[in-house]
Amino acid sequence: AEALLSADYRCDVDVQAATEAELWVVERASFQTALVDGRRRLYEQRLQQLQRIPMLRDLTLNQRVALADTLTTHSYHDGEVIMHLSGQSDPATRLLVGVDGTARVLP
């Protein structure tokens, strides 16, 4: 559905209720605006969070934008191991940025 509303997709079909139905309706323009606004807000939040990280403060805006483009969100349960490093043999391969909740480093 997102692809159909985001692109200028055209086709000849009828959509027919197969049972009694109640639908939510979102017009294409409203849908596109909501997507853009939602992504923009998320993007702005990410840029602000990156600016607050001391080791990233010296990055240029373009560098922070490039970094924000690569961020993905992962959720973890209480007590779940987020990352395991084993002494000298395992270099850190990820930067973890806390967005919500807390994590602790265990010896």
C-alpha atoms as a PDB file:
ATOM      1  CA  ALA A   1       0.000   0.000   0.000  1.00  0.00           C
ATOM      2  CA  GLU A   2       2.806   2.435   0.827  1.00  0.00           C
ATOM      3  CA  ALA A   3       4.407   1.832  -2.565  1.00  0.00           C
ATOM      4  CA  LEU A   4       1.094   2.431  -4.298  1.00  0.00           C
ATOM      5  CA  LEU A   5       0.500   5.715  -2.499  1.00  0.00           C
ATOM      6  CA  SER A   6       4.111   6.899  -2.587  1.00  0.00           C
ATOM      7  CA  ALA A   7       4.672   6.352  -6.291  1.00  0.00           C
ATOM      8  CA  ASP A   8       2.550   7.462  -9.187  1.00  0.00           C
ATOM      9  CA  TYR A   9       1.213   3.927  -9.636  1.00  0.00           C
ATOM     10  CA  ARG A  10      -1.834   3.497 -11.830  1.00  0.00           C
ATOM     11  CA  CYS A  11      -3.970   0.426 -12.483  1.00  0.00           C
ATOM     12  CA  ASP A  12      -7.528  -0.475 -13.421  1.00  0.00           C
ATOM     13  CA  VAL A  13      -9.093  -2.400 -10.538  1.00  0.00           C
ATOM     14  CA  ASP A  14     -12.149  -2.279  -8.346  1.00  0.00           C
ATOM     15  CA  VAL A  15     -11.938  -2.800  -4.618  1.00  0.00           C
ATOM     16  CA  GLN A  16     -15.070  -4.476  -3.336  1.00  0.00           C
ATOM     17  CA  ALA A  17     -16.129  -5.408   0.189  1.00  0.00           C
ATOM     18  CA  ALA A  18     -16.343  -9.190   0.558  1.00  0.00           C
ATOM     19  CA  THR A  19     -18.094  -8.812   3.943  1.00  0.00           C
ATOM     20  CA  GLU A  20     -19.452  -5.956   6.020  1.00  0.00           C
ATOM     21  CA  ALA A  21     -16.425  -3.691   6.301  1.00  0.00           C
ATOM     22  CA  GLU A  22     -15.224  -0.551   7.995  1.00  0.00           C
ATOM     23  CA  LEU A  23     -12.132   1.072   6.528  1.00  0.00           C
ATOM     24  CA  TRP A  24      -9.764   3.825   7.448  1.00  0.00           C
ATOM     25  CA  VAL A  25      -9.249   6.154   4.509  1.00  0.00           C
ATOM     26  CA  VAL A  26      -6.172   8.300   3.938  1.00  0.00           C
ATOM     27  CA  GLU A  27      -5.882  10.430   0.837  1.00  0.00           C
ATOM     28  CA  ARG A  28      -2.629  10.185  -1.128  1.00  0.00           C
ATOM     29  CA  ALA A  29      -1.508  13.746  -0.336  1.00  0.00           C
ATOM     30  CA  SER A  30      -2.144  13.273   3.390  1.00  0.00           C
ATOM     31  CA  PHE A  31      -0.340   9.934   3.345  1.00  0.00           C
ATOM     32  CA  GLN A  32       2.691  11.389   1.603  1.00  0.00           C
ATOM     33  CA  THR A  33       2.774  14.386   3.933  1.00  0.00           C
ATOM     34  CA  ALA A  34       2.564  12.140   6.994  1.00  0.00           C
ATOM     35  CA  LEU A  35       5.437   9.988   5.737  1.00  0.00           C
ATOM     36  CA  VAL A  36       7.647  12.953   4.966  1.00  0.00           C
ATOM     37  CA  ASP A  37       6.841  14.701   8.254  1.00  0.00           C
ATOM     38  CA  GLY A  38       7.343  11.517  10.265  1.00  0.00           C
ATOM     39  CA  ARG A  39      10.667  10.770   8.618  1.00  0.00           C
ATOM     40  CA  ARG A  40      11.788  14.369   9.011  1.00  0.00           C
ATOM     41  CA  ARG A  41      10.967  14.355  12.734  1.00  0.00           C
ATOM     42  CA  LEU A  42      12.810  11.054  13.232  1.00  0.00           C
ATOM     43  CA  TYR A  43      15.764  12.375  11.256  1.00  0.00           C
ATOM     44  CA  GLU A  44      15.886  15.608  13.282  1.00  0.00           C
ATOM     45  CA  GLN A  45      15.730  13.618  16.538  1.00  0.00           C
ATOM     46  CA  ARG A  46      18.604  11.438  15.410  1.00  0.00           C
ATOM     47  CA  LEU A  47      20.714  14.455  14.434  1.00  0.00           C
ATOM     48  CA  GLN A  48      20.048  16.072  17.825  1.00  0.00           C
ATOM     49  CA  GLN A  49      20.959  12.876  19.672  1.00  0.00           C
ATOM     50  CA  LEU A  50      24.173  12.511  17.683  1.00  0.00           C
ATOM     51  CA  GLN A  51      25.105  16.131  18.490  1.00  0.00           C
ATOM     52  CA  ARG A  52      24.839  15.333  22.231  1.00  0.00           C
ATOM     53  CA  ILE A  53      27.414  12.511  22.072  1.00  0.00           C
ATOM     54  CA  PRO A  54      30.760  14.011  23.128  1.00  0.00           C
ATOM     55  CA  MET A  55      32.908  11.930  20.740  1.00  0.00           C
ATOM     56  CA  LEU A  56      30.703  13.008  17.790  1.00  0.00           C
ATOM     57  CA  ARG A  57      30.405  16.740  18.531  1.00  0.00           C
ATOM     58  CA  ASP A  58      33.271  17.647  16.231  1.00  0.00           C
ATOM     59  CA  LEU A  59      31.642  15.996  13.230  1.00  0.00           C
ATOM     60  CA  THR A  60      30.403  18.322  10.537  1.00  0.00           C
ATOM     61  CA  LEU A  61      26.681  18.484   9.852  1.00  0.00           C
ATOM     62  CA  ASN A  62      27.256  16.509   6.645  1.00  0.00           C
ATOM     63  CA  GLN A  63      29.066  13.798   8.588  1.00  0.00           C
ATOM     64  CA  ARG A  64      26.267  13.604  11.174  1.00  0.00           C
ATOM     65  CA  VAL A  65      23.679  13.437   8.377  1.00  0.00           C
ATOM     66  CA  ALA A  66      25.622  10.580   6.748  1.00  0.00           C
ATOM     67  CA  LEU A  67      25.828   8.796  10.105  1.00  0.00           C
ATOM     68  CA  ALA A  68      22.114   9.355  10.806  1.00  0.00           C
ATOM     69  CA  ASP A  69      21.351   7.699   7.464  1.00  0.00           C
ATOM     70  CA  THR A  70      23.015   4.486   8.656  1.00  0.00           C
ATOM     71  CA  LEU A  71      21.287   4.198  12.048  1.00  0.00           C
ATOM     72  CA  THR A  72      18.973   1.285  12.721  1.00  0.00           C
ATOM     73  CA  THR A  73      16.902   0.712  15.852  1.00  0.00           C
ATOM     74  CA  HIS A  74      17.196  -2.468  17.892  1.00  0.00           C
ATOM     75  CA  SER A  75      15.218  -3.271  21.040  1.00  0.00           C
ATOM     76  CA  TYR A  76      16.530  -5.408  23.892  1.00  0.00           C
ATOM     77  CA  HIS A  77      14.869  -7.023  26.894  1.00  0.00           C
ATOM     78  CA  ASP A  78      16.027  -6.521  30.477  1.00  0.00           C
ATOM     79  CA  GLY A  79      19.095  -8.703  31.041  1.00  0.00           C
ATOM     80  CA  GLU A  80      19.639  -9.501  27.353  1.00  0.00           C
ATOM     81  CA  VAL A  81      23.276  -9.339  26.200  1.00  0.00           C
ATOM     82  CA  ILE A  82      23.560  -6.538  23.662  1.00  0.00           C
ATOM     83  CA  MET A  83      27.154  -7.116  22.608  1.00  0.00           C
ATOM     84  CA  HIS A  84      29.909  -9.504  23.706  1.00  0.00           C
ATOM     85  CA  LEU A  85      33.583  -8.619  23.350  1.00  0.00           C
ATOM     86  CA  SER A  86      36.244 -11.200  24.167  1.00  0.00           C
ATOM     87  CA  GLY A  87      39.477  -9.507  25.221  1.00  0.00           C
ATOM     88  CA  GLN A  88      41.980  -8.540  22.550  1.00  0.00           C
ATOM     89  CA  SER A  89      40.519 -10.851  19.902  1.00  0.00           C
ATOM     90  CA  ASP A  90      37.214  -9.003  19.385  1.00  0.00           C
ATOM     91  CA  PRO A  91      37.476  -5.353  18.365  1.00  0.00           C
ATOM     92  CA  ALA A  92      34.319  -3.295  18.764  1.00  0.00           C
ATOM     93  CA  THR A  93      32.425  -3.389  15.474  1.00  0.00           C
ATOM     94  CA  ARG A  94      29.409  -1.258  16.392  1.00  0.00           C
ATOM     95  CA  LEU A  95      28.688   2.087  17.976  1.00  0.00           C
ATOM     96  CA  LEU A  96      25.760   1.810  20.367  1.00  0.00           C
ATOM     97  CA  VAL A  97      23.751   4.953  21.045  1.00  0.00           C
ATOM     98  CA  GLY A  98      21.252   4.742  23.895  1.00  0.00           C
ATOM     99  CA  VAL A  99      17.912   6.170  22.858  1.00  0.00           C
ATOM    100  CA  ASP A 100      15.717   4.938  25.702  1.00  0.00           C
ATOM    101  CA  GLY A 101      16.341   2.874  28.827  1.00  0.00           C
ATOM    102  CA  THR A 102      19.723   2.040  30.316  1.00  0.00           C
ATOM    103  CA  ALA A 103      22.500  -0.457  29.670  1.00  0.00           C
ATOM    104  CA  ARG A 104      25.487  -1.424  31.738  1.00  0.00           C
ATOM    105  CA  VAL A 105      28.963  -2.704  30.909  1.00  0.00           C
ATOM    106  CA  LEU A 106      29.751  -5.899  32.811  1.00  0.00           C
ATOM    107  CA  PRO A 107      33.298  -7.151  33.500  1.00  0.00           C
END
